[in-house]
C-alpha atoms as a PDB file:
ATOM      1  CA  PRO A   1       2.568 -12.844  -1.656  1.00  0.00           C
ATOM      2  CA  LYS A   2       1.746 -14.976  -4.379  1.00  0.00           C
ATOM      3  CA  ALA A   3      -0.854 -16.643  -2.108  1.00  0.00           C
ATOM      4  CA  ASN A   4      -2.367 -14.158  -0.589  1.00  0.00           C
ATOM      5  CA  PRO A   5      -2.514 -10.853  -2.087  1.00  0.00           C
ATOM      6  CA  ASN A   6      -4.265  -9.067   0.465  1.00  0.00           C
ATOM      7  CA  ILE A   7      -1.483  -8.662   2.393  1.00  0.00           C
ATOM      8  CA  ILE A   8       1.163  -6.270   1.815  1.00  0.00           C
ATOM      9  CA  TYR A   9       4.161  -4.622   2.909  1.00  0.00           C
ATOM     10  CA  ALA A  10       5.717  -1.389   2.421  1.00  0.00           C
ATOM     11  CA  GLY A  11       8.291   0.806   4.076  1.00  0.00           C
ATOM     12  CA  GLY A  12       9.822   4.236   3.193  1.00  0.00           C
ATOM     13  CA  HIS A  13      12.964   6.567   4.049  1.00  0.00           C
ATOM     14  CA  ASN A  14      13.856  10.358   4.055  1.00  0.00           C
ATOM     15  CA  ASN A  15      16.067  12.673   6.181  1.00  0.00           C
ATOM     16  CA  GLY A  16      13.085  13.079   8.828  1.00  0.00           C
ATOM     17  CA  VAL A  17      11.362  11.252  10.595  1.00  0.00           C
ATOM     18  CA  SER A  18      10.265   7.384   8.783  1.00  0.00           C
ATOM     19  CA  SER A  19       7.537   5.439   9.237  1.00  0.00           C
ATOM     20  CA  GLY A  20       9.088   1.984   9.751  1.00  0.00           C
ATOM     21  CA  VAL A  21       7.557  -1.071   8.091  1.00  0.00           C
ATOM     22  CA  LEU A  22       3.575  -0.746   6.744  1.00  0.00           C
ATOM     23  CA  LYS A  23       1.378  -3.535   6.228  1.00  0.00           C
ATOM     24  CA  SER A  24      -1.910  -3.998   4.783  1.00  0.00           C
ATOM     25  CA  VAL A  25      -4.194  -6.988   5.182  1.00  0.00           C
ATOM     26  CA  ASP A  26      -6.948  -5.322   2.744  1.00  0.00           C
ATOM     27  CA  GLY A  27      -5.003  -4.994  -0.046  1.00  0.00           C
ATOM     28  CA  GLY A  28      -3.903  -1.557   0.137  1.00  0.00           C
ATOM     29  CA  GLU A  29      -7.204  -0.125   1.408  1.00  0.00           C
ATOM     30  CA  HIS A  30      -5.957   0.198   5.286  1.00  0.00           C
ATOM     31  CA  TRP A  31      -2.764   0.195   6.573  1.00  0.00           C
ATOM     32  CA  THR A  32      -0.995  -0.058  10.178  1.00  0.00           C
ATOM     33  CA  ARG A  33       2.863   0.625  11.203  1.00  0.00           C
ATOM     34  CA  ASN A  34       4.794  -2.648  12.599  1.00  0.00           C
ATOM     35  CA  SER A  35       7.888  -1.815  13.697  1.00  0.00           C
ATOM     36  CA  SER A  36       8.042  -3.025  16.624  1.00  0.00           C
ATOM     37  CA  GLY A  37      12.048  -4.463  17.359  1.00  0.00           C
ATOM     38  CA  ILE A  38      13.318  -2.161  14.691  1.00  0.00           C
ATOM     39  CA  PHE A  39      15.867   0.340  15.699  1.00  0.00           C
ATOM     40  CA  ASP A  40      16.455   1.923  12.620  1.00  0.00           C
ATOM     41  CA  THR A  41      12.863   2.894  10.628  1.00  0.00           C
ATOM     42  CA  HIS A  42      14.563   3.944   7.651  1.00  0.00           C
ATOM     43  CA  ILE A  43      13.260   0.523   5.436  1.00  0.00           C
ATOM     44  CA  TRP A  44      15.111   0.389   1.908  1.00  0.00           C
ATOM     45  CA  GLY A  45      13.474  -2.911   0.691  1.00  0.00           C
ATOM     46  CA  VAL A  46      10.954  -5.444   1.625  1.00  0.00           C
ATOM     47  CA  PHE A  47      10.661  -9.091   0.743  1.00  0.00           C
ATOM     48  CA  VAL A  48       8.573 -11.855   1.886  1.00  0.00           C
ATOM     49  CA  HIS A  49      10.662 -15.091   2.598  1.00  0.00           C
ATOM     50  CA  PRO A  50      10.105 -17.745  -0.500  1.00  0.00           C
ATOM     51  CA  SER A  51       9.182 -20.472   2.233  1.00  0.00           C
ATOM     52  CA  ASP A  52       6.327 -18.669   3.444  1.00  0.00           C
ATOM     53  CA  PRO A  53       3.537 -17.763   1.054  1.00  0.00           C
ATOM     54  CA  GLN A  54       1.102 -16.553   3.386  1.00  0.00           C
ATOM     55  CA  GLY A  55       3.412 -13.649   3.906  1.00  0.00           C
ATOM     56  CA  LYS A  56       4.143 -13.928   7.583  1.00  0.00           C
ATOM     57  CA  HIS A  57       7.946 -14.333   6.787  1.00  0.00           C
ATOM     58  CA  VAL A  58       9.741 -11.328   6.247  1.00  0.00           C
ATOM     59  CA  LEU A  59      13.407  -9.477   5.533  1.00  0.00           C
ATOM     60  CA  VAL A  60      13.310  -5.736   5.945  1.00  0.00           C
ATOM     61  CA  GLY A  61      16.732  -3.722   4.719  1.00  0.00           C
ATOM     62  CA  THR A  62      17.383  -0.712   6.463  1.00  0.00           C
ATOM     63  CA  SER A  63      20.521   2.009   6.633  1.00  0.00           C
ATOM     64  CA  SER A  64      22.080  -0.223   9.262  1.00  0.00           C
ATOM     65  CA  GLY A  65      21.606  -3.873   8.175  1.00  0.00           C
ATOM     66  CA  ILE A  66      18.593  -6.550   8.078  1.00  0.00           C
ATOM     67  CA  TYR A  67      16.144  -7.311   9.823  1.00  0.00           C
ATOM     68  CA  GLU A  68      13.565 -10.309  10.031  1.00  0.00           C
ATOM     69  CA  SER A  69       9.645 -11.133  10.910  1.00  0.00           C
ATOM     70  CA  LYS A  70       8.262 -14.677  10.956  1.00  0.00           C
ATOM     71  CA  ASP A  71       5.065 -13.699  12.746  1.00  0.00           C
ATOM     72  CA  GLY A  72       3.503 -11.209  10.143  1.00  0.00           C
ATOM     73  CA  ALA A  73       5.516  -7.922  11.235  1.00  0.00           C
ATOM     74  CA  ALA A  74       4.305  -8.136  14.913  1.00  0.00           C
ATOM     75  CA  SER A  75       7.782  -8.097  16.226  1.00  0.00           C
ATOM     76  CA  TRP A  76      11.443  -8.041  14.406  1.00  0.00           C
ATOM     77  CA  GLN A  77      14.895  -9.702  15.363  1.00  0.00           C
ATOM     78  CA  PHE A  78      17.880  -8.277  13.754  1.00  0.00           C
ATOM     79  CA  ALA A  79      20.494 -10.261  11.816  1.00  0.00           C
ATOM     80  CA  ASN A  80      23.727  -9.331  13.991  1.00  0.00           C
ATOM     81  CA  GLU A  81      25.891 -10.493  11.081  1.00  0.00           C
ATOM     82  CA  THR A  82      24.702  -7.832   8.667  1.00  0.00           C
ATOM     83  CA  ALA A  83      25.675  -4.737  11.229  1.00  0.00           C
ATOM     84  CA  GLY A  84      28.063  -3.411   8.778  1.00  0.00           C
ATOM     85  CA  PHE A  85      26.322  -3.559   5.936  1.00  0.00           C
ATOM     86  CA  GLY A  86      25.435  -0.226   5.905  1.00  0.00           C
ATOM     87  CA  PRO A  87      22.004   0.463   3.449  1.00  0.00           C
ATOM     88  CA  VAL A  88      20.471  -2.766   2.521  1.00  0.00           C
ATOM     89  CA  ILE A  89      18.503  -2.053  -1.084  1.00  0.00           C
ATOM     90  CA  SER A  90      17.271  -4.840  -2.382  1.00  0.00           C
ATOM     91  CA  PHE A  91      16.511  -8.375  -2.182  1.00  0.00           C
ATOM     92  CA  ALA A  92      15.952 -11.387  -4.741  1.00  0.00           C
ATOM     93  CA  GLU A  93      15.650 -14.932  -4.422  1.00  0.00           C
ATOM     94  CA  VAL A  94      18.825 -17.057  -6.131  1.00  0.00           C
ATOM     95  CA  THR A  95      20.526 -20.565  -6.219  1.00  0.00           C
ATOM     96  CA  ILE A  96      24.278 -20.916  -5.825  1.00  0.00           C
ATOM     97  CA  GLY A  97      25.366 -24.269  -6.198  1.00  0.00           C
ATOM     98  CA  GLY A  98      22.214 -25.869  -6.751  1.00  0.00           C
ATOM     99  CA  LYS A  99      20.743 -24.312  -3.323  1.00  0.00           C
ATOM    100  CA  GLN A 100      18.140 -21.649  -2.810  1.00  0.00           C
ATOM    101  CA  TYR A 101      19.466 -18.358  -1.067  1.00  0.00           C
ATOM    102  CA  ILE A 102      17.758 -14.838  -0.203  1.00  0.00           C
ATOM    103  CA  ALA A 103      20.473 -12.416  -2.101  1.00  0.00           C
ATOM    104  CA  ALA A 104      20.687  -8.497  -0.809  1.00  0.00           C
ATOM    105  CA  ASN A 105      23.037  -5.642  -2.195  1.00  0.00           C
ATOM    106  CA  HIS A 106      24.506  -2.671  -0.229  1.00  0.00           C
ATOM    107  CA  GLY A 107      27.620  -0.983   0.103  1.00  0.00           C
ATOM    108  CA  SER A 108      30.096  -2.914  -2.481  1.00  0.00           C
ATOM    109  CA  SER A 109      28.579  -5.953  -1.658  1.00  0.00           C
ATOM    110  CA  ILE A 110      26.527  -8.776  -2.494  1.00  0.00           C
ATOM    111  CA  SER A 111      25.298 -10.627   1.016  1.00  0.00           C
ATOM    112  CA  SER A 112      23.137 -13.968   0.639  1.00  0.00           C
ATOM    113  CA  VAL A 113      21.723 -16.786   2.897  1.00  0.00           C
ATOM    114  CA  PRO A 114      20.261 -20.095   2.472  1.00  0.00           C
ATOM    115  CA  VAL A 115      16.112 -19.861   2.141  1.00  0.00           C
ATOM    116  CA  SER A 116      16.033 -22.791   5.101  1.00  0.00           C
ATOM    117  CA  GLY A 117      18.211 -20.403   7.291  1.00  0.00           C
ATOM    118  CA  GLY A 118      21.600 -19.757   8.102  1.00  0.00           C
ATOM    119  CA  LEU A 119      24.114 -16.617   8.185  1.00  0.00           C
ATOM    120  CA  TRP A 120      24.431 -13.791   5.790  1.00  0.00           C
ATOM    121  CA  GLN A 121      27.606 -14.706   3.657  1.00  0.00           C
ATOM    122  CA  THR A 122      29.132 -11.875   1.544  1.00  0.00           C
ATOM    123  CA  ALA A 123      30.602 -11.508  -2.054  1.00  0.00           C
ATOM    124  CA  LYS A 124      32.529  -8.043  -3.336  1.00  0.00           C
ATOM    125  CA  ALA A 125      31.402  -6.550  -6.310  1.00  0.00           C
ATOM    126  CA  PRO A 126      34.026  -3.968  -8.745  1.00  0.00           C
ATOM    127  CA  GLY A 127      32.522  -1.081  -6.747  1.00  0.00           C
ATOM    128  CA  GLY A 128      29.420  -0.120  -5.493  1.00  0.00           C
ATOM    129  CA  THR A 129      25.991  -1.343  -5.918  1.00  0.00           C
ATOM    130  CA  GLY A 130      23.905   0.585  -3.679  1.00  0.00           C
ATOM    131  CA  ILE A 131      22.054   2.729  -5.871  1.00  0.00           C
ATOM    132  CA  ALA A 132      21.118  -0.051  -8.143  1.00  0.00           C
ATOM    133  CA  GLN A 133      18.162  -3.009  -7.826  1.00  0.00           C
ATOM    134  CA  LEU A 134      18.745  -6.855  -7.691  1.00  0.00           C
ATOM    135  CA  SER A 135      17.885  -8.220 -11.753  1.00  0.00           C
ATOM    136  CA  THR A 136      18.420 -11.794 -11.429  1.00  0.00           C
ATOM    137  CA  VAL A 137      18.273 -15.031 -13.900  1.00  0.00           C
ATOM    138  CA  THR A 138      18.622 -18.331 -12.883  1.00  0.00           C
ATOM    139  CA  THR A 139      19.381 -20.882 -15.579  1.00  0.00           C
ATOM    140  CA  ALA A 140      20.052 -24.256 -15.352  1.00  0.00           C
ATOM    141  CA  GLY A 141      20.300 -23.925 -11.523  1.00  0.00           C
ATOM    142  CA  GLU A 142      22.445 -21.298 -11.570  1.00  0.00           C
ATOM    143  CA  SER A 143      21.939 -17.774 -10.757  1.00  0.00           C
ATOM    144  CA  GLU A 144      23.340 -14.465 -12.404  1.00  0.00           C
ATOM    145  CA  VAL A 145      23.104 -10.630 -11.970  1.00  0.00           C
ATOM    146  CA  VAL A 146      23.174  -7.746 -14.152  1.00  0.00           C
ATOM    147  CA  MET A 147      23.387  -4.439 -12.441  1.00  0.00           C
ATOM    148  CA  CYS A 148      24.353  -0.905 -12.308  1.00  0.00           C
ATOM    149  CA  VAL A 149      27.763  -0.926 -10.569  1.00  0.00           C
ATOM    150  CA  THR A 150      29.686   2.520  -9.622  1.00  0.00           C
ATOM    151  CA  ALA A 151      33.189   3.688  -9.383  1.00  0.00           C
ATOM    152  CA  SER A 152      33.915   6.679  -7.662  1.00  0.00           C
ATOM    153  CA  TRP A 153      32.626   9.454 -10.629  1.00  0.00           C
ATOM    154  CA  GLU A 154      31.659   6.765 -13.259  1.00  0.00           C
ATOM    155  CA  GLY A 155      29.065   3.855 -13.737  1.00  0.00           C
ATOM    156  CA  GLY A 156      28.362   0.716 -15.696  1.00  0.00           C
ATOM    157  CA  VAL A 157      26.268  -2.380 -16.246  1.00  0.00           C
ATOM    158  CA  TYR A 158      28.066  -5.050 -14.847  1.00  0.00           C
ATOM    159  CA  TYR A 159      27.080  -8.970 -15.255  1.00  0.00           C
ATOM    160  CA  GLY A 160      27.673 -11.264 -12.633  1.00  0.00           C
ATOM    161  CA  LYS A 161      27.757 -14.647 -12.220  1.00  0.00           C
ATOM    162  CA  TRP A 162      27.565 -16.528  -8.639  1.00  0.00           C
ATOM    163  CA  ASP A 163      30.348 -19.588  -7.733  1.00  0.00           C
ATOM    164  CA  THR A 164      30.054 -19.341  -4.502  1.00  0.00           C
ATOM    165  CA  PRO A 165      28.103 -17.299  -1.600  1.00  0.00           C
ATOM    166  CA  THR A 166      31.019 -15.712  -0.904  1.00  0.00           C
ATOM    167  CA  ASN A 167      32.248 -15.107  -4.660  1.00  0.00           C
ATOM    168  CA  ILE A 168      30.805 -13.798  -7.703  1.00  0.00           C
ATOM    169  CA  GLU A 169      32.532 -13.703 -11.275  1.00  0.00           C
ATOM    170  CA  TRP A 170      32.231 -10.487 -12.587  1.00  0.00           C
ATOM    171  CA  ASN A 171      32.277  -8.803 -16.118  1.00  0.00           C
ATOM    172  CA  GLY A 172      32.034  -5.474 -17.535  1.00  0.00           C
ATOM    173  CA  PRO A 173      31.206  -2.889 -17.777  1.00  0.00           C
ATOM    174  CA  LEU A 174      29.315  -3.994 -20.597  1.00  0.00           C
ATOM    175  CA  ASN A 175      29.088  -2.265 -24.027  1.00  0.00           C
ATOM    176  CA  TYR A 176      25.622  -0.803 -25.206  1.00  0.00           C
ATOM    177  CA  THR A 177      24.186   1.573 -26.762  1.00  0.00           C
ATOM    178  CA  LYS A 178      22.860   5.073 -25.761  1.00  0.00           C
ATOM    179  CA  ASN A 179      19.900   6.960 -27.077  1.00  0.00           C
ATOM    180  CA  VAL A 180      20.321  10.945 -25.703  1.00  0.00           C
ATOM    181  CA  TYR A 181      16.911  12.374 -25.366  1.00  0.00           C
ATOM    182  CA  GLU A 182      15.896  15.913 -24.282  1.00  0.00           C
ATOM    183  CA  SER A 183      13.939  16.658 -20.860  1.00  0.00           C
ATOM    184  CA  TRP A 184      10.228  16.737 -21.308  1.00  0.00           C
ATOM    185  CA  SER A 185       9.802  18.809 -17.954  1.00  0.00           C
ATOM    186  CA  ILE A 186       7.969  22.270 -17.814  1.00  0.00           C
ATOM    187  CA  THR A 187      10.709  24.603 -17.155  1.00  0.00           C
ATOM    188  CA  SER A 188       9.204  26.345 -14.938  1.00  0.00           C
ATOM    189  CA  LYS A 189       8.844  23.675 -12.573  1.00  0.00           C
ATOM    190  CA  TYR A 190      11.306  21.214 -13.090  1.00  0.00           C
ATOM    191  CA  ARG A 191      14.830  21.119 -13.819  1.00  0.00           C
ATOM    192  CA  HIS A 192      16.025  20.840 -17.472  1.00  0.00           C
ATOM    193  CA  GLU A 193      18.711  18.801 -18.406  1.00  0.00           C
ATOM    194  CA  THR A 194      19.915  16.650 -21.493  1.00  0.00           C
ATOM    195  CA  TYR A 195      21.601  13.341 -20.829  1.00  0.00           C
ATOM    196  CA  ASP A 196      21.671   9.792 -21.799  1.00  0.00           C
ATOM    197  CA  ASP A 197      18.580   7.964 -20.650  1.00  0.00           C
ATOM    198  CA  PHE A 198      20.822   4.685 -19.105  1.00  0.00           C
ATOM    199  CA  TRP A 199      22.536   6.961 -16.754  1.00  0.00           C
ATOM    200  CA  ASP A 200      18.801   7.762 -15.435  1.00  0.00           C
ATOM    201  CA  SER A 201      19.651   4.635 -13.480  1.00  0.00           C
ATOM    202  CA  CYS A 202      23.045   4.327 -13.149  1.00  0.00           C
ATOM    203  CA  PRO A 203      24.930   7.675 -13.353  1.00  0.00           C
ATOM    204  CA  PRO A 204      28.635   8.311 -13.580  1.00  0.00           C
ATOM    205  CA  ASP A 205      28.153  10.487  -9.999  1.00  0.00           C
ATOM    206  CA  GLY A 206      26.397   7.575  -8.192  1.00  0.00           C
ATOM    207  CA  ALA A 207      23.672   9.920  -7.610  1.00  0.00           C
ATOM    208  CA  PRO A 208      20.021   8.963 -10.195  1.00  0.00           C
ATOM    209  CA  LYS A 209      18.331  11.725 -11.586  1.00  0.00           C
ATOM    210  CA  ASP A 210      14.752  12.455 -10.680  1.00  0.00           C
END
């Protein structure tokens, strides 16, 4: 939170046991687990609500949908309409039709909810958005997004502009200049490959390289 940099939230996920939501009130010196009420503790994204700079209103994306806390992560409630979302990767504040929304990407979609409250509504994407972070910009009261979108074994950068919470006009895949880099890793310790630098974050097979 901008007004209280000492409060930090974090979350993690893996194939085993996850620690769920972690919270620090001293700038990261000490951490506590704060996942009461969260059934799925595999956390993909954490977002402090823009209406609460003190950091008590928080959203987290899990593998099964979105949870919300209004008491500084002391308790969590599930947004029932997000039950079919699958892993919710990241959040961003956007403007749609002159109104403020919180957007989240998952599966082959980007959903949004009014900052003032309400239900999550979904806009379809031309492919999978679940491996990418939301990169948005707002100009003249309207928000746009540029992100990696994957379709089957192919991936590309797409540009989108919200018309309504349930519709994004997409263009892509966009043209870009590729640069090829040789791997710098130590062969005895890491896998050694040659690949286009762009595909490191938007791979053709939907699985980013480390």
